[in-house]
Protein backbone atom coordinates (compact mmCIF):
# COMPACT_ATOMS: atom_id res chain seq x y z
CA UNK A 1 30.29 106.25 102.03
CA UNK A 2 31.95 103.52 100.01
CA UNK A 3 34.03 101.58 102.54
CA UNK A 4 34.33 97.86 101.88
CA UNK A 5 35.58 95.20 104.29
CA UNK A 6 37.61 92.48 102.59
CA UNK A 7 38.24 89.43 104.76
CA UNK A 8 41.35 87.49 103.81
CA UNK A 9 42.69 90.63 102.18
CA UNK A 10 46.33 89.58 102.51
CA UNK A 11 45.68 86.40 100.55
CA UNK A 12 46.02 85.76 96.86
CA UNK A 13 42.56 86.58 95.49
CA UNK A 14 41.63 88.98 98.31
CA UNK A 15 44.74 91.07 97.71
CA UNK A 16 44.18 91.40 93.97
CA UNK A 17 40.52 92.27 94.61
CA UNK A 18 41.54 95.09 96.96
CA UNK A 19 43.54 96.60 94.10
CA UNK A 20 40.59 96.41 91.73
CA UNK A 21 38.21 97.87 94.33
CA UNK A 22 40.47 100.84 95.03
CA UNK A 23 41.04 101.45 91.32
CA UNK A 24 37.25 101.58 90.96
CA UNK A 25 36.79 104.22 93.66
CA UNK A 26 36.16 102.18 96.80
CA UNK A 27 37.82 102.63 100.18
CA UNK A 28 38.98 99.29 101.57
CA UNK A 29 39.92 97.80 104.92
CA UNK A 30 41.15 94.24 105.36
CA UNK A 31 40.89 91.57 108.03
CA UNK A 32 43.52 88.84 107.83
CA UNK A 33 45.12 86.93 110.69
CA UNK A 34 48.17 86.25 108.43
CA UNK A 35 48.04 82.53 109.16
CA UNK A 36 47.75 81.96 105.41
CA UNK A 37 48.09 85.51 104.08
CA UNK A 38 51.19 87.71 104.00
CA UNK A 39 52.17 91.29 104.77
CA UNK A 40 54.14 91.18 101.51
CA UNK A 41 50.80 91.17 99.73
CA UNK A 42 49.70 94.29 101.59
CA UNK A 43 53.01 96.03 100.84
CA UNK A 44 52.66 95.24 97.14
CA UNK A 45 49.07 96.48 97.12
CA UNK A 46 50.13 99.78 98.64
CA UNK A 47 52.88 100.20 96.02
CA UNK A 48 50.35 99.67 93.22
CA UNK A 49 47.52 101.87 94.55
CA UNK A 50 49.77 104.52 96.08
CA UNK A 51 48.07 104.65 99.46
CA UNK A 52 48.07 102.69 102.74
CA UNK A 53 45.51 99.94 103.33
CA UNK A 54 44.53 99.11 106.90
CA UNK A 55 44.66 95.42 107.89
CA UNK A 56 43.27 94.13 111.16
CA UNK A 57 45.29 91.10 112.24
CA UNK A 58 42.63 88.98 113.91
CA UNK A 59 40.86 85.64 113.59
CA UNK A 60 37.24 85.91 112.45
CA UNK A 61 36.40 82.86 114.56
CA UNK A 62 36.66 85.27 117.52
CA UNK A 63 33.33 87.12 117.53
CA UNK A 64 34.43 89.88 119.96
CA UNK A 65 37.44 90.78 117.84
CA UNK A 66 35.32 90.73 114.69
CA UNK A 67 32.71 93.02 116.25
CA UNK A 68 35.47 95.46 117.22
CA UNK A 69 36.30 96.04 113.54
CA UNK A 70 32.71 97.06 112.82
CA UNK A 71 32.57 99.27 115.90
CA UNK A 72 35.67 101.09 114.69
CA UNK A 73 34.32 101.35 111.12
CA UNK A 74 30.59 102.20 111.31
CA UNK A 75 30.66 103.35 107.66
CA UNK A 76 31.23 99.90 106.10
CA UNK A 77 28.66 99.41 103.30
CA UNK A 78 29.74 96.03 101.93
CA UNK A 79 31.70 92.87 102.73
CA UNK A 80 33.62 90.53 100.47
CA UNK A 81 34.36 87.34 102.38
CA UNK A 82 37.47 85.44 101.24
CA UNK A 83 38.82 84.32 104.62
CA UNK A 84 38.80 80.52 104.53
CA UNK A 85 41.20 77.61 104.37
CA UNK A 86 41.38 76.32 100.81
CA UNK A 87 43.72 73.32 100.48
CA UNK A 88 41.93 70.26 99.10
CA UNK A 89 44.52 67.71 100.36
CA UNK A 90 44.69 69.35 103.80
CA UNK A 91 40.90 69.33 104.06
CA UNK A 92 40.81 65.63 103.19
CA UNK A 93 43.38 64.93 105.93
CA UNK A 94 41.85 67.23 108.57
CA UNK A 95 38.16 67.92 107.91
CA UNK A 96 37.42 69.26 111.42
CA UNK A 97 40.02 72.00 110.97
CA UNK A 98 38.18 73.13 107.83
CA UNK A 99 34.70 72.88 109.34
CA UNK A 100 35.75 74.88 112.42
CA UNK A 101 37.52 77.67 110.55
CA UNK A 102 35.40 78.06 107.45
CA UNK A 103 31.98 77.81 109.14
CA UNK A 104 32.69 79.81 112.30
CA UNK A 105 34.34 82.68 110.46
CA UNK A 106 31.41 82.89 108.03
CA UNK A 107 28.80 82.75 110.80
CA UNK A 108 30.56 85.48 112.77
CA UNK A 109 30.90 87.81 109.81
CA UNK A 110 27.22 87.35 108.94
CA UNK A 111 26.24 87.98 112.56
CA UNK A 112 28.20 91.24 112.48
CA UNK A 113 26.65 92.19 109.12
CA UNK A 114 23.23 91.82 110.72
CA UNK A 115 24.19 93.57 113.96
CA UNK A 116 25.78 96.56 112.22
CA UNK A 117 23.34 96.79 109.31
CA UNK A 118 25.78 96.02 106.50
CA UNK A 119 23.49 94.70 103.78
CA UNK A 120 25.79 93.95 100.80
CA UNK A 121 27.69 90.65 100.95
CA UNK A 122 29.81 88.77 98.42
CA UNK A 123 30.79 85.19 99.29
CA UNK A 124 33.86 83.56 97.83
CA UNK A 125 32.67 80.15 96.67
CA UNK A 126 34.20 77.65 94.31
CA UNK A 127 33.60 75.42 91.32
CA UNK A 128 34.39 72.54 93.70
CA UNK A 129 30.71 72.70 94.78
CA UNK A 130 29.83 70.97 91.48
CA UNK A 131 31.92 67.87 92.28
CA UNK A 132 32.10 65.46 89.32
CA UNK A 133 29.37 67.16 87.33
CA UNK A 134 27.48 64.99 84.84
CA UNK A 135 27.29 67.70 82.19
CA UNK A 136 29.88 70.24 81.04
CA UNK A 137 30.21 73.15 80.93
CA UNK A 138 28.51 73.71 84.26
CA UNK A 139 25.88 76.42 84.61
CA UNK A 140 24.64 78.00 87.82
CA UNK A 141 21.64 75.64 87.81
CA UNK A 142 23.76 72.49 87.48
CA UNK A 143 22.75 70.18 90.36
CA UNK A 144 25.34 69.94 93.11
CA UNK A 145 26.52 66.41 93.84
CA UNK A 146 28.44 64.85 96.73
CA UNK A 147 31.60 66.94 97.20
CA UNK A 148 35.00 65.35 96.61
CA UNK A 149 36.70 67.01 99.61
CA UNK A 150 35.92 68.62 102.95
CA UNK A 151 36.98 71.96 101.46
CA UNK A 152 34.29 71.59 98.78
CA UNK A 153 31.77 70.65 101.46
CA UNK A 154 32.52 73.86 103.37
CA UNK A 155 31.72 75.80 100.20
CA UNK A 156 28.47 73.92 99.59
CA UNK A 157 27.35 74.41 103.19
CA UNK A 158 28.71 77.98 103.25
CA UNK A 159 26.48 78.83 100.29
CA UNK A 160 23.51 77.29 102.10
CA UNK A 161 24.27 79.33 105.23
CA UNK A 162 24.36 82.50 103.11
CA UNK A 163 21.09 81.64 101.36
CA UNK A 164 19.25 80.80 104.58
CA UNK A 165 20.51 83.95 106.28
CA UNK A 166 19.60 86.11 103.29
CA UNK A 167 16.10 84.59 103.11
CA UNK A 168 15.39 85.74 106.68
CA UNK A 169 16.76 89.27 106.18
CA UNK A 170 14.77 91.07 103.49
CA UNK A 171 17.15 94.03 103.28
CA UNK A 172 20.24 91.80 102.94
CA UNK A 173 21.73 91.07 99.50
CA UNK A 174 24.17 88.26 98.79
CA UNK A 175 26.17 87.26 95.73
CA UNK A 176 27.73 83.79 95.62
CA UNK A 177 30.68 83.73 93.23
CA UNK A 178 31.72 80.24 92.12
CA UNK A 179 35.10 80.66 90.59
CA UNK A 180 37.21 78.17 88.89
CA UNK A 181 41.04 78.14 88.93
CA UNK A 182 42.56 81.61 89.51
CA UNK A 183 46.13 81.88 88.24
CA UNK A 184 48.71 84.49 87.30
CA UNK A 185 49.70 87.76 88.96
CA UNK A 186 49.08 91.48 88.72
CA UNK A 187 50.72 92.71 85.46
CA UNK A 188 53.10 94.89 87.51
CA UNK A 189 54.24 91.66 89.28
CA UNK A 190 54.36 93.62 92.53
CA UNK A 191 51.85 91.09 93.91
CA UNK A 192 51.08 87.48 93.10
CA UNK A 193 50.56 84.12 94.74
CA UNK A 194 52.80 83.70 97.81
CA UNK A 195 53.17 80.05 98.78
CA UNK A 196 56.34 78.36 99.98
CA UNK A 197 54.86 74.92 99.34
CA UNK A 198 51.96 75.44 96.94
CA UNK A 199 49.51 72.74 95.94
CA UNK A 200 47.95 74.71 93.09
CA UNK A 201 49.41 73.61 89.78
CA UNK A 202 50.58 76.95 88.32
CA UNK A 203 52.91 78.00 91.17
CA UNK A 204 54.14 74.40 91.25
CA UNK A 205 54.99 74.76 87.56
CA UNK A 206 56.82 78.06 88.04
CA UNK A 207 58.71 76.85 91.12
CA UNK A 208 59.84 73.78 89.17
CA UNK A 209 60.95 75.88 86.22
CA UNK A 210 63.03 78.22 88.38
CA UNK A 211 64.61 75.38 90.35
CA UNK A 212 62.87 75.63 93.73
CA UNK A 213 61.63 72.13 93.00
CA UNK A 214 63.60 69.44 91.21
CA UNK A 215 60.51 68.19 89.41
CA UNK A 216 56.73 68.14 89.57
CA UNK A 217 54.07 65.47 89.29
CA UNK A 218 51.01 65.46 87.09
CA UNK A 219 48.42 63.60 89.17
CA UNK A 220 46.69 61.04 86.98
CA UNK A 221 47.12 59.84 83.40
CA UNK A 222 43.98 57.70 83.07
CA UNK A 223 41.18 60.23 83.42
CA UNK A 224 38.59 60.11 80.62
CA UNK A 225 39.93 63.32 79.05
CA UNK A 226 41.71 64.06 75.77
CA UNK A 227 45.19 63.37 77.19
CA UNK A 228 44.39 61.54 80.45
CA UNK A 229 45.07 64.48 82.79
CA UNK A 230 42.45 66.52 84.69
CA UNK A 231 40.57 69.31 82.93
CA UNK A 232 40.19 72.67 84.66
CA UNK A 233 39.05 76.18 83.79
CA UNK A 234 41.96 78.57 84.42
CA UNK A 235 41.22 82.26 84.79
CA UNK A 236 43.49 85.22 85.50
CA UNK A 237 43.32 86.48 89.08
CA UNK A 238 42.71 90.08 87.99
CA UNK A 239 39.68 88.96 85.97
CA UNK A 240 38.40 87.23 89.10
CA UNK A 241 39.13 90.38 91.14
CA UNK A 242 37.19 92.60 88.76
CA UNK A 243 34.18 90.29 88.95
CA UNK A 244 34.02 90.84 92.72
CA UNK A 245 33.98 94.61 92.22
CA UNK A 246 31.24 94.30 89.60
CA UNK A 247 29.18 91.94 91.79
CA UNK A 248 29.42 94.29 94.75
CA UNK A 249 28.44 97.32 92.66
CA UNK A 250 25.53 95.31 91.25
CA UNK A 251 23.92 94.87 94.66
CA UNK A 252 24.88 98.31 95.98
CA UNK A 253 23.03 99.77 92.98
CA UNK A 254 19.99 97.52 93.72
CA UNK A 255 20.10 95.99 90.25
CA UNK A 256 19.67 92.46 91.60
CA UNK A 257 16.30 90.80 91.03
CA UNK A 258 16.74 88.35 93.91
CA UNK A 259 18.29 88.80 97.34
CA UNK A 260 20.71 85.92 96.72
CA UNK A 261 22.21 85.31 93.28
CA UNK A 262 24.90 82.95 91.98
CA UNK A 263 27.47 83.55 89.25
CA UNK A 264 30.09 81.26 87.70
CA UNK A 265 33.45 82.92 87.15
CA UNK A 266 35.50 81.03 84.62
CA UNK A 267 37.02 81.51 81.19
CA UNK A 268 34.57 79.01 79.70
CA UNK A 269 37.44 76.88 78.36
CA UNK A 270 38.55 73.50 79.68
CA UNK A 271 42.34 73.03 79.72
CA UNK A 272 44.13 69.82 80.70
CA UNK A 273 47.11 69.89 83.04
CA UNK A 274 49.38 68.76 80.21
CA UNK A 275 48.04 71.54 77.96
CA UNK A 276 48.73 74.01 80.77
CA UNK A 277 52.33 72.80 80.97
CA UNK A 278 52.71 73.16 77.20
CA UNK A 279 51.39 76.73 77.37
CA UNK A 280 53.90 77.57 80.09
CA UNK A 281 56.80 76.09 78.14
CA UNK A 282 55.82 78.11 75.07
CA UNK A 283 55.51 81.43 76.91
CA UNK A 284 58.57 81.06 79.16
CA UNK A 285 60.94 79.19 76.87
CA UNK A 286 61.63 76.81 79.78
CA UNK A 287 61.49 73.03 79.49
CA UNK A 288 59.69 71.65 82.52
CA UNK A 289 60.91 68.60 84.43
CA UNK A 290 57.78 66.65 85.29
CA UNK A 291 56.56 63.10 85.66
CA UNK A 292 53.11 61.54 85.59
CA UNK A 293 51.94 59.92 88.82
CA UNK A 294 48.79 58.38 90.29
CA UNK A 295 45.54 60.27 90.87
CA UNK A 296 45.31 62.53 93.93
CA UNK A 297 42.44 62.10 96.44
CA UNK A 298 39.81 64.83 96.22
CA UNK A 299 40.44 65.79 92.59
CA UNK A 300 37.49 65.83 90.19
CA UNK A 301 37.92 64.62 86.60
CA UNK A 302 36.87 67.77 84.76
CA UNK A 303 35.09 71.02 85.42
CA UNK A 304 34.77 74.22 83.41
CA UNK A 305 32.26 77.03 83.33
CA UNK A 306 29.52 78.49 81.28
CA UNK A 307 30.08 82.17 82.17
CA UNK A 308 27.22 83.68 80.15
CA UNK A 309 25.29 84.80 83.24
CA UNK A 310 28.16 86.88 84.67
CA UNK A 311 28.93 88.35 81.26
CA UNK A 312 25.31 89.28 80.56
CA UNK A 313 24.11 90.46 83.96
CA UNK A 314 27.26 91.84 85.59
CA UNK A 315 28.81 93.12 82.36
CA UNK A 316 31.95 91.17 83.21
CA UNK A 317 34.53 90.19 80.60
CA UNK A 318 37.77 88.25 80.83
CA UNK A 319 40.74 90.27 79.58
CA UNK A 320 43.59 87.78 80.00
CA UNK A 321 44.08 84.66 77.87
CA UNK A 322 46.00 81.51 78.87
CA UNK A 323 49.32 82.87 77.55
CA UNK A 324 48.90 86.05 79.65
CA UNK A 325 48.07 83.94 82.70
CA UNK A 326 51.23 81.91 82.36
CA UNK A 327 53.35 84.94 81.43
CA UNK A 328 52.39 86.91 84.54
CA UNK A 329 52.79 83.81 86.72
CA UNK A 330 56.33 83.26 85.38
CA UNK A 331 57.33 86.93 85.67
CA UNK A 332 56.04 86.91 89.27
CA UNK A 333 58.24 83.88 90.04
CA UNK A 334 61.22 85.70 88.52
CA UNK A 335 60.39 88.81 90.56
CA UNK A 336 60.31 86.73 93.77
CA UNK A 337 63.74 85.30 92.89
CA UNK A 338 65.10 88.80 92.24
CA UNK A 339 63.75 90.03 95.59
CA UNK A 340 65.39 87.12 97.39
CA UNK A 341 68.71 87.70 95.64
CA UNK A 342 68.62 91.39 96.53
CA UNK A 343 67.93 90.54 100.18
CA UNK A 344 70.83 88.10 100.31
CA UNK A 345 73.17 90.62 98.63
């Protein structure tokens, strides 16, 4: 009995995590309504792992539909919950959309976990919960401040919902994973980030380099950083994926000391947007057409992780450096272009 339910399994991080789970001996089913995810992700996963992966196309905000998945799969032993809207600008423009989707889906999945006695739960959180932290790097005990976006607020409140629920269910174990900026693609480049109009900086960089975009904008030149652009902690998506597998195994094995534990998932290095662009240009050999514009609402100045806790307790290590992140991201963009050309031909 090692079946894991991954919500949002046809999304970027969920899809890569499914691969890591299967490669580590787990059976996986996915729930994804495909409003933000893609069947292309599922197809790529199946190519890599060599077996079919079942996806239930349903909205977790519908409790009856969610319960039906558990009724059909009474052997689920753990849940990794990715399914949430994640665009910072969209959340600033439409906070109610984010509150409705991100809270209701979480509440329903926790209700089903309780009803069907599934006691191992990993919640996909975010470094955005730290807001403009006063001290860097942030540690798990860093005080949370007022969030900079409605997306970040859903993660702060989502963590609180998980903690409160866990505190009232003594057999329930929860891991809150606060990850920083996942980038790159699976080394096979059979899967990667699928966004027609991405807001995350790395796919914007690769789309600009390949010509999907004429140019890109670096938001802000007057931040109090070493070159005036925002500082972020970029981490390869497969390193993030492996941390979810390790966190899940940690609670399945009853190695956790507390019912609810928090881990930062970052490289531990702060990189500015301009440094990220320079790394891409070095790895790809492409000169990027970009301009510097005004700050973007919802962006924090700088945030990067102290990842000692995850390394020490979970035995997690990052395997991909910044060059590897940008290399796999660029090769994924080239693979997408090749697929499109083959389809047209």
